[in-house]
All heavy atoms as atom14 arrays in JSON, in Angstrom:
{
  "sequence": "IYRIAVHEASNRRRWWFRHKSRETSMELEPGGEAEENGLCLKDI",
  "atom14_mask": [
    [1, 1, 1, 1, 1, 1, 1, 1, 0, 0, 0, 0, 0, 0],
    [1, 1, 1, 1, 1, 1, 1, 1, 1, 1, 1, 1, 0, 0],
    [1, 1, 1, 1, 1, 1, 1, 1, 1, 1, 1, 0, 0, 0],
    [1, 1, 1, 1, 1, 1, 1, 1, 0, 0, 0, 0, 0, 0],
    [1, 1, 1, 1, 1, 0, 0, 0, 0, 0, 0, 0, 0, 0],
    [1, 1, 1, 1, 1, 1, 1, 0, 0, 0, 0, 0, 0, 0],
    [1, 1, 1, 1, 1, 1, 1, 1, 1, 1, 0, 0, 0, 0],
    [1, 1, 1, 1, 1, 1, 1, 1, 1, 0, 0, 0, 0, 0],
    [1, 1, 1, 1, 1, 0, 0, 0, 0, 0, 0, 0, 0, 0],
    [1, 1, 1, 1, 1, 1, 0, 0, 0, 0, 0, 0, 0, 0],
    [1, 1, 1, 1, 1, 1, 1, 1, 0, 0, 0, 0, 0, 0],
    [1, 1, 1, 1, 1, 1, 1, 1, 1, 1, 1, 0, 0, 0],
    [1, 1, 1, 1, 1, 1, 1, 1, 1, 1, 1, 0, 0, 0],
    [1, 1, 1, 1, 1, 1, 1, 1, 1, 1, 1, 0, 0, 0],
    [1, 1, 1, 1, 1, 1, 1, 1, 1, 1, 1, 1, 1, 1],
    [1, 1, 1, 1, 1, 1, 1, 1, 1, 1, 1, 1, 1, 1],
    [1, 1, 1, 1, 1, 1, 1, 1, 1, 1, 1, 0, 0, 0],
    [1, 1, 1, 1, 1, 1, 1, 1, 1, 1, 1, 0, 0, 0],
    [1, 1, 1, 1, 1, 1, 1, 1, 1, 1, 0, 0, 0, 0],
    [1, 1, 1, 1, 1, 1, 1, 1, 1, 0, 0, 0, 0, 0],
    [1, 1, 1, 1, 1, 1, 0, 0, 0, 0, 0, 0, 0, 0],
    [1, 1, 1, 1, 1, 1, 1, 1, 1, 1, 1, 0, 0, 0],
    [1, 1, 1, 1, 1, 1, 1, 1, 1, 0, 0, 0, 0, 0],
    [1, 1, 1, 1, 1, 1, 1, 0, 0, 0, 0, 0, 0, 0],
    [1, 1, 1, 1, 1, 1, 0, 0, 0, 0, 0, 0, 0, 0],
    [1, 1, 1, 1, 1, 1, 1, 1, 0, 0, 0, 0, 0, 0],
    [1, 1, 1, 1, 1, 1, 1, 1, 1, 0, 0, 0, 0, 0],
    [1, 1, 1, 1, 1, 1, 1, 1, 0, 0, 0, 0, 0, 0],
    [1, 1, 1, 1, 1, 1, 1, 1, 1, 0, 0, 0, 0, 0],
    [1, 1, 1, 1, 1, 1, 1, 0, 0, 0, 0, 0, 0, 0],
    [1, 1, 1, 1, 0, 0, 0, 0, 0, 0, 0, 0, 0, 0],
    [1, 1, 1, 1, 0, 0, 0, 0, 0, 0, 0, 0, 0, 0],
    [1, 1, 1, 1, 1, 1, 1, 1, 1, 0, 0, 0, 0, 0],
    [1, 1, 1, 1, 1, 0, 0, 0, 0, 0, 0, 0, 0, 0],
    [1, 1, 1, 1, 1, 1, 1, 1, 1, 0, 0, 0, 0, 0],
    [1, 1, 1, 1, 1, 1, 1, 1, 1, 0, 0, 0, 0, 0],
    [1, 1, 1, 1, 1, 1, 1, 1, 0, 0, 0, 0, 0, 0],
    [1, 1, 1, 1, 0, 0, 0, 0, 0, 0, 0, 0, 0, 0],
    [1, 1, 1, 1, 1, 1, 1, 1, 0, 0, 0, 0, 0, 0],
    [1, 1, 1, 1, 1, 1, 0, 0, 0, 0, 0, 0, 0, 0],
    [1, 1, 1, 1, 1, 1, 1, 1, 0, 0, 0, 0, 0, 0],
    [1, 1, 1, 1, 1, 1, 1, 1, 1, 0, 0, 0, 0, 0],
    [1, 1, 1, 1, 1, 1, 1, 1, 0, 0, 0, 0, 0, 0],
    [1, 1, 1, 1, 1, 1, 1, 1, 0, 0, 0, 0, 0, 0]
  ],
  "atom14_positions": [
    [[-119.1, 37.92, -160.68], [-118.42, 37.88, -161.97], [-116.91, 37.74, -161.79], [-116.26, 36.96, -162.49], [-118.76, 39.14, -162.8], [-120.23, 39.12, -163.2], [-117.87, 39.23, -164.04], [-120.7, 40.39, -163.88], [0.0, 0.0, 0.0], [0.0, 0.0, 0.0], [0.0, 0.0, 0.0], [0.0, 0.0, 0.0], [0.0, 0.0, 0.0], [0.0, 0.0, 0.0]],
    [[-116.36, 38.46, -160.83], [-114.92, 38.36, -160.58], [-114.54, 36.97, -160.09], [-113.47, 36.47, -160.4], [-114.49, 39.42, -159.56], [-114.21, 40.78, -160.17], [-114.98, 41.27, -161.22], [-113.19, 41.58, -159.68], [-114.73, 42.51, -161.76], [-112.93, 42.83, -160.23], [-113.71, 43.29, -161.26], [-113.46, 44.53, -161.81], [0.0, 0.0, 0.0], [0.0, 0.0, 0.0]],
    [[-115.41, 36.36, -159.31], [-115.12, 35.0, -158.83], [-115.03, 34.04, -160.02], [-114.13, 33.19, -160.08], [-116.21, 34.53, -157.86], [-115.91, 33.18, -157.23], [-117.09, 32.68, -156.41], [-117.42, 33.64, -155.38], [-118.66, 34.03, -155.09], [-119.68, 33.56, -155.8], [-118.88, 34.88, -154.13], [0.0, 0.0, 0.0], [0.0, 0.0, 0.0], [0.0, 0.0, 0.0]],
    [[-115.96, 34.18, -160.95], [-115.93, 33.35, -162.15], [-114.65, 33.62, -162.94], [-113.99, 32.69, -163.44], [-117.17, 33.61, -163.03], [-118.43, 33.15, -162.3], [-117.05, 32.91, -164.38], [-119.73, 33.53, -163.01], [0.0, 0.0, 0.0], [0.0, 0.0, 0.0], [0.0, 0.0, 0.0], [0.0, 0.0, 0.0], [0.0, 0.0, 0.0], [0.0, 0.0, 0.0]],
    [[-114.27, 34.89, -163.05], [-113.08, 35.26, -163.81], [-111.82, 34.65, -163.21], [-110.97, 34.1, -163.93], [-112.95, 36.78, -163.89], [0.0, 0.0, 0.0], [0.0, 0.0, 0.0], [0.0, 0.0, 0.0], [0.0, 0.0, 0.0], [0.0, 0.0, 0.0], [0.0, 0.0, 0.0], [0.0, 0.0, 0.0], [0.0, 0.0, 0.0], [0.0, 0.0, 0.0]],
    [[-111.67, 34.76, -161.9], [-110.49, 34.19, -161.24], [-110.47, 32.68, -161.4], [-109.41, 32.09, -161.66], [-110.47, 34.59, -159.74], [-109.4, 33.8, -158.99], [-110.21, 36.08, -159.59], [0.0, 0.0, 0.0], [0.0, 0.0, 0.0], [0.0, 0.0, 0.0], [0.0, 0.0, 0.0], [0.0, 0.0, 0.0], [0.0, 0.0, 0.0], [0.0, 0.0, 0.0]],
    [[-111.64, 32.05, -161.28], [-111.72, 30.59, -161.42], [-111.31, 30.16, -162.83], [-110.49, 29.24, -163.0], [-113.14, 30.12, -161.11], [-113.34, 28.64, -161.28], [-112.87, 27.72, -160.38], [-113.96, 27.94, -162.27], [-113.17, 26.51, -160.79], [-113.84, 26.6, -161.93], [0.0, 0.0, 0.0], [0.0, 0.0, 0.0], [0.0, 0.0, 0.0], [0.0, 0.0, 0.0]],
    [[-111.86, 30.83, -163.85], [-111.55, 30.47, -165.22], [-110.08, 30.73, -165.56], [-109.43, 29.94, -166.24], [-112.45, 31.25, -166.19], [-113.9, 30.82, -166.17], [-114.08, 29.36, -166.55], [-113.55, 28.95, -167.6], [-114.73, 28.63, -165.78], [0.0, 0.0, 0.0], [0.0, 0.0, 0.0], [0.0, 0.0, 0.0], [0.0, 0.0, 0.0], [0.0, 0.0, 0.0]],
    [[-109.56, 31.86, -165.08], [-108.15, 32.18, -165.35], [-107.22, 31.19, -164.66], [-106.2, 30.78, -165.22], [-107.84, 33.6, -164.89], [0.0, 0.0, 0.0], [0.0, 0.0, 0.0], [0.0, 0.0, 0.0], [0.0, 0.0, 0.0], [0.0, 0.0, 0.0], [0.0, 0.0, 0.0], [0.0, 0.0, 0.0], [0.0, 0.0, 0.0], [0.0, 0.0, 0.0]],
    [[-107.58, 30.79, -163.45], [-106.76, 29.81, -162.73], [-106.78, 28.46, -163.43], [-105.75, 27.79, -163.53], [-107.29, 29.67, -161.29], [-107.16, 30.88, -160.58], [0.0, 0.0, 0.0], [0.0, 0.0, 0.0], [0.0, 0.0, 0.0], [0.0, 0.0, 0.0], [0.0, 0.0, 0.0], [0.0, 0.0, 0.0], [0.0, 0.0, 0.0], [0.0, 0.0, 0.0]],
    [[-107.95, 28.07, -163.94], [-108.03, 26.82, -164.7], [-107.18, 26.9, -165.96], [-106.49, 25.93, -166.32], [-109.49, 26.53, -165.08], [-110.29, 26.01, -163.91], [-109.73, 25.6, -162.89], [-111.61, 26.03, -164.05], [0.0, 0.0, 0.0], [0.0, 0.0, 0.0], [0.0, 0.0, 0.0], [0.0, 0.0, 0.0], [0.0, 0.0, 0.0], [0.0, 0.0, 0.0]],
    [[-107.25, 28.02, -166.65], [-106.46, 28.21, -167.86], [-104.97, 28.17, -167.55], [-104.17, 27.6, -168.29], [-106.82, 29.56, -168.49], [-106.14, 29.84, -169.83], [-106.92, 29.19, -170.95], [-106.4, 29.56, -172.26], [-107.09, 29.5, -173.38], [-108.35, 29.09, -173.35], [-106.55, 29.83, -174.53], [0.0, 0.0, 0.0], [0.0, 0.0, 0.0], [0.0, 0.0, 0.0]],
    [[-104.6, 28.78, -166.45], [-103.19, 28.8, -166.05], [-102.7, 27.39, -165.73], [-101.61, 27.0, -166.11], [-103.02, 29.71, -164.83], [-101.57, 29.91, -164.38], [-101.54, 30.85, -163.19], [-100.19, 30.99, -162.68], [-99.3, 31.86, -163.13], [-99.63, 32.66, -164.13], [-98.09, 31.93, -162.62], [0.0, 0.0, 0.0], [0.0, 0.0, 0.0], [0.0, 0.0, 0.0]],
    [[-103.53, 26.61, -165.03], [-103.14, 25.22, -164.73], [-103.0, 24.41, -166.02], [-102.09, 23.6, -166.15], [-104.19, 24.58, -163.8], [-104.05, 25.0, -162.36], [-104.89, 24.12, -161.45], [-106.3, 24.35, -161.63], [-107.01, 25.25, -160.94], [-106.41, 25.99, -160.04], [-108.3, 25.38, -161.15], [0.0, 0.0, 0.0], [0.0, 0.0, 0.0], [0.0, 0.0, 0.0]],
    [[-103.93, 24.63, -166.96], [-103.84, 23.94, -168.24], [-102.54, 24.3, -168.95], [-101.88, 23.45, -169.55], [-105.03, 24.32, -169.11], [-104.96, 23.7, -170.49], [-105.45, 22.49, -170.87], [-104.35, 24.26, -171.66], [-105.2, 22.26, -172.2], [-104.51, 23.33, -172.71], [-103.69, 25.46, -171.91], [-104.03, 23.56, -173.99], [-103.2, 25.69, -173.19], [-103.37, 24.76, -174.22]],
    [[-102.19, 25.58, -168.89], [-100.97, 26.04, -169.56], [-99.75, 25.32, -169.01], [-98.9, 24.86, -169.77], [-100.82, 27.55, -169.39], [-99.78, 28.15, -170.29], [-99.96, 28.72, -171.5], [-98.37, 28.23, -170.02], [-98.76, 29.15, -172.01], [-97.77, 28.87, -171.13], [-97.55, 27.83, -168.95], [-96.41, 29.12, -171.21], [-96.19, 28.07, -169.03], [-95.63, 28.7, -170.15]],
    [[-99.67, 25.23, -167.7], [-98.51, 24.57, -167.1], [-98.46, 23.08, -167.43], [-97.39, 22.5, -167.56], [-98.52, 24.76, -165.58], [-98.0, 26.1, -165.14], [-98.82, 26.99, -164.47], [-96.7, 26.49, -165.42], [-98.35, 28.23, -164.08], [-96.22, 27.72, -165.03], [-97.05, 28.6, -164.35], [0.0, 0.0, 0.0], [0.0, 0.0, 0.0], [0.0, 0.0, 0.0]],
    [[-99.64, 22.48, -167.61], [-99.67, 21.05, -167.91], [-99.41, 20.74, -169.37], [-98.82, 19.73, -169.71], [-101.03, 20.47, -167.53], [-101.29, 20.43, -166.04], [-102.71, 20.0, -165.75], [-103.01, 20.03, -164.33], [-104.22, 19.87, -163.81], [-105.24, 19.68, -164.62], [-104.41, 19.92, -162.53], [0.0, 0.0, 0.0], [0.0, 0.0, 0.0], [0.0, 0.0, 0.0]],
    [[-99.82, 21.63, -170.27], [-99.78, 21.33, -171.7], [-98.96, 22.34, -172.51], [-97.97, 21.97, -173.13], [-101.2, 21.27, -172.26], [-102.07, 20.28, -171.58], [-101.99, 18.93, -171.82], [-103.03, 20.44, -170.65], [-102.86, 18.29, -171.07], [-103.52, 19.18, -170.35], [0.0, 0.0, 0.0], [0.0, 0.0, 0.0], [0.0, 0.0, 0.0], [0.0, 0.0, 0.0]],
    [[-99.38, 23.59, -172.46], [-98.77, 24.58, -173.34], [-97.3, 24.81, -173.02], [-96.5, 25.1, -173.91], [-99.54, 25.9, -173.25], [-99.21, 26.89, -174.36], [-100.16, 28.07, -174.31], [-99.84, 29.06, -175.43], [-100.76, 30.22, -175.4], [0.0, 0.0, 0.0], [0.0, 0.0, 0.0], [0.0, 0.0, 0.0], [0.0, 0.0, 0.0], [0.0, 0.0, 0.0]],
    [[-96.93, 24.71, -171.75], [-95.54, 24.96, -171.37], [-94.6, 23.92, -171.95], [-93.39, 24.13, -172.01], [-95.41, 24.97, -169.84], [-95.8, 23.73, -169.3], [0.0, 0.0, 0.0], [0.0, 0.0, 0.0], [0.0, 0.0, 0.0], [0.0, 0.0, 0.0], [0.0, 0.0, 0.0], [0.0, 0.0, 0.0], [0.0, 0.0, 0.0], [0.0, 0.0, 0.0]],
    [[-95.16, 22.77, -172.42], [-94.33, 21.73, -173.01], [-94.04, 22.0, -174.48], [-93.18, 21.36, -175.08], [-95.02, 20.38, -172.88], [-95.28, 19.97, -171.43], [-96.09, 18.69, -171.38], [-96.45, 18.33, -170.01], [-97.24, 17.33, -169.68], [-97.73, 16.55, -170.65], [-97.52, 17.07, -168.43], [0.0, 0.0, 0.0], [0.0, 0.0, 0.0], [0.0, 0.0, 0.0]],
    [[-94.8, 22.94, -175.06], [-94.63, 23.25, -176.47], [-93.41, 24.13, -176.7], [-93.01, 24.9, -175.85], [-95.87, 23.97, -177.01], [-97.14, 23.15, -176.88], [-98.36, 23.94, -177.3], [-98.18, 25.1, -177.72], [-99.47, 23.4, -177.2], [0.0, 0.0, 0.0], [0.0, 0.0, 0.0], [0.0, 0.0, 0.0], [0.0, 0.0, 0.0], [0.0, 0.0, 0.0]],
    [[-92.81, 24.0, -177.87], [-91.7, 24.86, -178.25], [-92.18, 25.83, -179.3], [-92.58, 25.45, -180.39], [-90.53, 24.02, -178.84], [-90.11, 23.07, -177.86], [-89.38, 24.92, -179.23], [0.0, 0.0, 0.0], [0.0, 0.0, 0.0], [0.0, 0.0, 0.0], [0.0, 0.0, 0.0], [0.0, 0.0, 0.0], [0.0, 0.0, 0.0], [0.0, 0.0, 0.0]],
    [[-92.19, 27.1, -178.95], [-92.71, 28.13, -179.84], [-91.6, 28.72, -180.7], [-90.46, 28.88, -180.27], [-93.35, 29.26, -179.02], [-93.76, 30.31, -179.87], [0.0, 0.0, 0.0], [0.0, 0.0, 0.0], [0.0, 0.0, 0.0], [0.0, 0.0, 0.0], [0.0, 0.0, 0.0], [0.0, 0.0, 0.0], [0.0, 0.0, 0.0], [0.0, 0.0, 0.0]],
    [[-91.94, 29.0, -181.98], [-91.0, 29.65, -182.89], [-91.31, 31.13, -183.0], [-90.67, 31.85, -183.77], [-91.09, 29.0, -184.28], [-90.69, 27.54, -184.29], [-90.77, 26.81, -185.94], [-89.47, 27.73, -186.77], [0.0, 0.0, 0.0], [0.0, 0.0, 0.0], [0.0, 0.0, 0.0], [0.0, 0.0, 0.0], [0.0, 0.0, 0.0], [0.0, 0.0, 0.0]],
    [[-92.29, 31.62, -182.19], [-92.64, 33.02, -182.23], [-91.73, 33.82, -181.3], [-91.02, 33.26, -180.48], [-94.1, 33.21, -181.8], [-95.07, 32.49, -182.73], [-96.51, 32.65, -182.28], [-96.71, 33.27, -181.21], [-97.4, 32.18, -182.98], [0.0, 0.0, 0.0], [0.0, 0.0, 0.0], [0.0, 0.0, 0.0], [0.0, 0.0, 0.0], [0.0, 0.0, 0.0]],
    [[-91.82, 35.15, -181.44], [-91.03, 36.02, -180.58], [-91.47, 35.88, -179.14], [-92.64, 35.67, -178.85], [-91.2, 37.49, -181.02], [-90.62, 37.83, -182.39], [-90.95, 39.27, -182.73], [-89.11, 37.6, -182.42], [0.0, 0.0, 0.0], [0.0, 0.0, 0.0], [0.0, 0.0, 0.0], [0.0, 0.0, 0.0], [0.0, 0.0, 0.0], [0.0, 0.0, 0.0]],
    [[-90.53, 35.96, -178.21], [-90.86, 35.87, -176.8], [-91.65, 37.09, -176.37], [-91.43, 38.18, -176.88], [-89.56, 35.78, -175.97], [-88.81, 34.49, -176.16], [-89.61, 33.3, -175.64], [-90.26, 33.43, -174.59], [-89.59, 32.25, -176.3], [0.0, 0.0, 0.0], [0.0, 0.0, 0.0], [0.0, 0.0, 0.0], [0.0, 0.0, 0.0], [0.0, 0.0, 0.0]],
    [[-92.57, 36.93, -175.4], [-93.3, 38.1, -174.9], [-92.37, 39.04, -174.17], [-91.3, 38.65, -173.71], [-94.32, 37.48, -173.94], [-93.72, 36.18, -173.54], [-92.97, 35.69, -174.76], [0.0, 0.0, 0.0], [0.0, 0.0, 0.0], [0.0, 0.0, 0.0], [0.0, 0.0, 0.0], [0.0, 0.0, 0.0], [0.0, 0.0, 0.0], [0.0, 0.0, 0.0]],
    [[-92.78, 40.29, -174.06], [-91.97, 41.27, -173.36], [-91.18, 42.16, -174.28], [-90.41, 43.01, -173.84], [0.0, 0.0, 0.0], [0.0, 0.0, 0.0], [0.0, 0.0, 0.0], [0.0, 0.0, 0.0], [0.0, 0.0, 0.0], [0.0, 0.0, 0.0], [0.0, 0.0, 0.0], [0.0, 0.0, 0.0], [0.0, 0.0, 0.0], [0.0, 0.0, 0.0]],
    [[-91.32, 41.96, -175.61], [-90.58, 42.78, -176.55], [-91.22, 44.12, -176.77], [-92.16, 44.52, -176.08], [0.0, 0.0, 0.0], [0.0, 0.0, 0.0], [0.0, 0.0, 0.0], [0.0, 0.0, 0.0], [0.0, 0.0, 0.0], [0.0, 0.0, 0.0], [0.0, 0.0, 0.0], [0.0, 0.0, 0.0], [0.0, 0.0, 0.0], [0.0, 0.0, 0.0]],
    [[-90.75, 44.84, -177.78], [-91.24, 46.18, -178.03], [-92.72, 46.21, -178.34], [-93.44, 47.11, -177.92], [-90.47, 46.82, -179.19], [-89.01, 47.07, -178.86], [-88.3, 47.77, -180.01], [-88.7, 48.43, -180.64], [-87.36, 47.67, -180.32], [0.0, 0.0, 0.0], [0.0, 0.0, 0.0], [0.0, 0.0, 0.0], [0.0, 0.0, 0.0], [0.0, 0.0, 0.0]],
    [[-93.2, 45.21, -179.07], [-94.63, 45.19, -179.43], [-95.5, 45.08, -178.19], [-96.55, 45.7, -178.09], [-94.91, 44.04, -180.38], [0.0, 0.0, 0.0], [0.0, 0.0, 0.0], [0.0, 0.0, 0.0], [0.0, 0.0, 0.0], [0.0, 0.0, 0.0], [0.0, 0.0, 0.0], [0.0, 0.0, 0.0], [0.0, 0.0, 0.0], [0.0, 0.0, 0.0]],
    [[-95.05, 44.3, -177.22], [-95.86, 44.1, -176.03], [-95.83, 45.31, -175.12], [-96.75, 45.53, -174.33], [-95.35, 42.87, -175.26], [-96.3, 42.44, -174.17], [-95.91, 41.12, -173.55], [-95.09, 40.42, -174.13], [-96.45, 40.81, -172.49], [0.0, 0.0, 0.0], [0.0, 0.0, 0.0], [0.0, 0.0, 0.0], [0.0, 0.0, 0.0], [0.0, 0.0, 0.0]],
    [[-94.78, 46.12, -175.22], [-94.68, 47.29, -174.36], [-95.82, 48.26, -174.59], [-96.14, 49.08, -173.74], [-93.34, 48.0, -174.57], [-92.16, 47.2, -174.04], [-90.85, 47.91, -174.31], [-90.91, 49.02, -174.86], [-89.81, 47.37, -173.97], [0.0, 0.0, 0.0], [0.0, 0.0, 0.0], [0.0, 0.0, 0.0], [0.0, 0.0, 0.0], [0.0, 0.0, 0.0]],
    [[-96.43, 48.2, -175.79], [-97.52, 49.1, -176.11], [-98.87, 48.54, -175.71], [-99.91, 49.15, -175.97], [-97.53, 49.42, -177.61], [-96.3, 50.2, -178.01], [-95.84, 51.05, -177.27], [-95.76, 49.9, -179.18], [0.0, 0.0, 0.0], [0.0, 0.0, 0.0], [0.0, 0.0, 0.0], [0.0, 0.0, 0.0], [0.0, 0.0, 0.0], [0.0, 0.0, 0.0]],
    [[-98.87, 47.37, -175.06], [-100.12, 46.77, -174.65], [-100.51, 47.24, -173.26], [-100.2, 48.34, -172.83], [0.0, 0.0, 0.0], [0.0, 0.0, 0.0], [0.0, 0.0, 0.0], [0.0, 0.0, 0.0], [0.0, 0.0, 0.0], [0.0, 0.0, 0.0], [0.0, 0.0, 0.0], [0.0, 0.0, 0.0], [0.0, 0.0, 0.0], [0.0, 0.0, 0.0]],
    [[-101.21, 46.36, -172.52], [-101.64, 46.72, -171.19], [-100.45, 46.89, -170.28], [-99.55, 46.07, -170.24], [-102.56, 45.62, -170.63], [-103.91, 45.5, -171.32], [-104.61, 44.25, -170.83], [-104.77, 46.72, -171.05], [0.0, 0.0, 0.0], [0.0, 0.0, 0.0], [0.0, 0.0, 0.0], [0.0, 0.0, 0.0], [0.0, 0.0, 0.0], [0.0, 0.0, 0.0]],
    [[-100.42, 47.99, -169.56], [-99.33, 48.21, -168.62], [-99.84, 49.08, -167.48], [-100.86, 49.74, -167.58], [-98.14, 48.88, -169.29], [-98.5, 50.54, -169.91], [0.0, 0.0, 0.0], [0.0, 0.0, 0.0], [0.0, 0.0, 0.0], [0.0, 0.0, 0.0], [0.0, 0.0, 0.0], [0.0, 0.0, 0.0], [0.0, 0.0, 0.0], [0.0, 0.0, 0.0]],
    [[-99.11, 49.07, -166.38], [-99.45, 49.94, -165.26], [-99.1, 51.36, -165.66], [-97.98, 51.64, -166.04], [-98.67, 49.52, -164.02], [-98.96, 48.1, -163.56], [-98.01, 47.71, -162.46], [-100.38, 47.97, -163.11], [0.0, 0.0, 0.0], [0.0, 0.0, 0.0], [0.0, 0.0, 0.0], [0.0, 0.0, 0.0], [0.0, 0.0, 0.0], [0.0, 0.0, 0.0]],
    [[-100.06, 52.24, -165.51], [-99.87, 53.58, -166.08], [-99.14, 54.52, -165.13], [-98.31, 54.09, -164.34], [-101.21, 54.15, -166.53], [-101.81, 53.35, -167.69], [-103.06, 53.98, -168.22], [-102.76, 55.2, -169.04], [-103.98, 55.77, -169.65], [0.0, 0.0, 0.0], [0.0, 0.0, 0.0], [0.0, 0.0, 0.0], [0.0, 0.0, 0.0], [0.0, 0.0, 0.0]],
    [[-99.48, 55.78, -165.18], [-98.68, 56.85, -164.62], [-98.32, 56.68, -163.16], [-99.14, 56.31, -162.35], [-99.42, 58.19, -164.77], [-99.83, 58.43, -166.21], [-99.05, 58.11, -167.1], [-100.93, 58.94, -166.4], [0.0, 0.0, 0.0], [0.0, 0.0, 0.0], [0.0, 0.0, 0.0], [0.0, 0.0, 0.0], [0.0, 0.0, 0.0], [0.0, 0.0, 0.0]],
    [[-97.07, 57.0, -162.83], [-96.66, 57.08, -161.44], [-97.14, 58.42, -160.92], [-96.87, 59.46, -161.49], [-95.13, 56.97, -161.31], [-94.7, 55.58, -161.75], [-94.68, 57.25, -159.89], [-93.23, 55.39, -161.77], [0.0, 0.0, 0.0], [0.0, 0.0, 0.0], [0.0, 0.0, 0.0], [0.0, 0.0, 0.0], [0.0, 0.0, 0.0], [0.0, 0.0, 0.0]]
  ]
}
């Protein structure tokens, strides 16, 4: 299952660099306050 996941994510990432990265977004950039409450590395 992990092999499939890595393969699919890598394909998606390649697609992003080829297509999505050319788009100009009017949305807020990632990394803001809203994203800080999402997935993150937890306790030290």
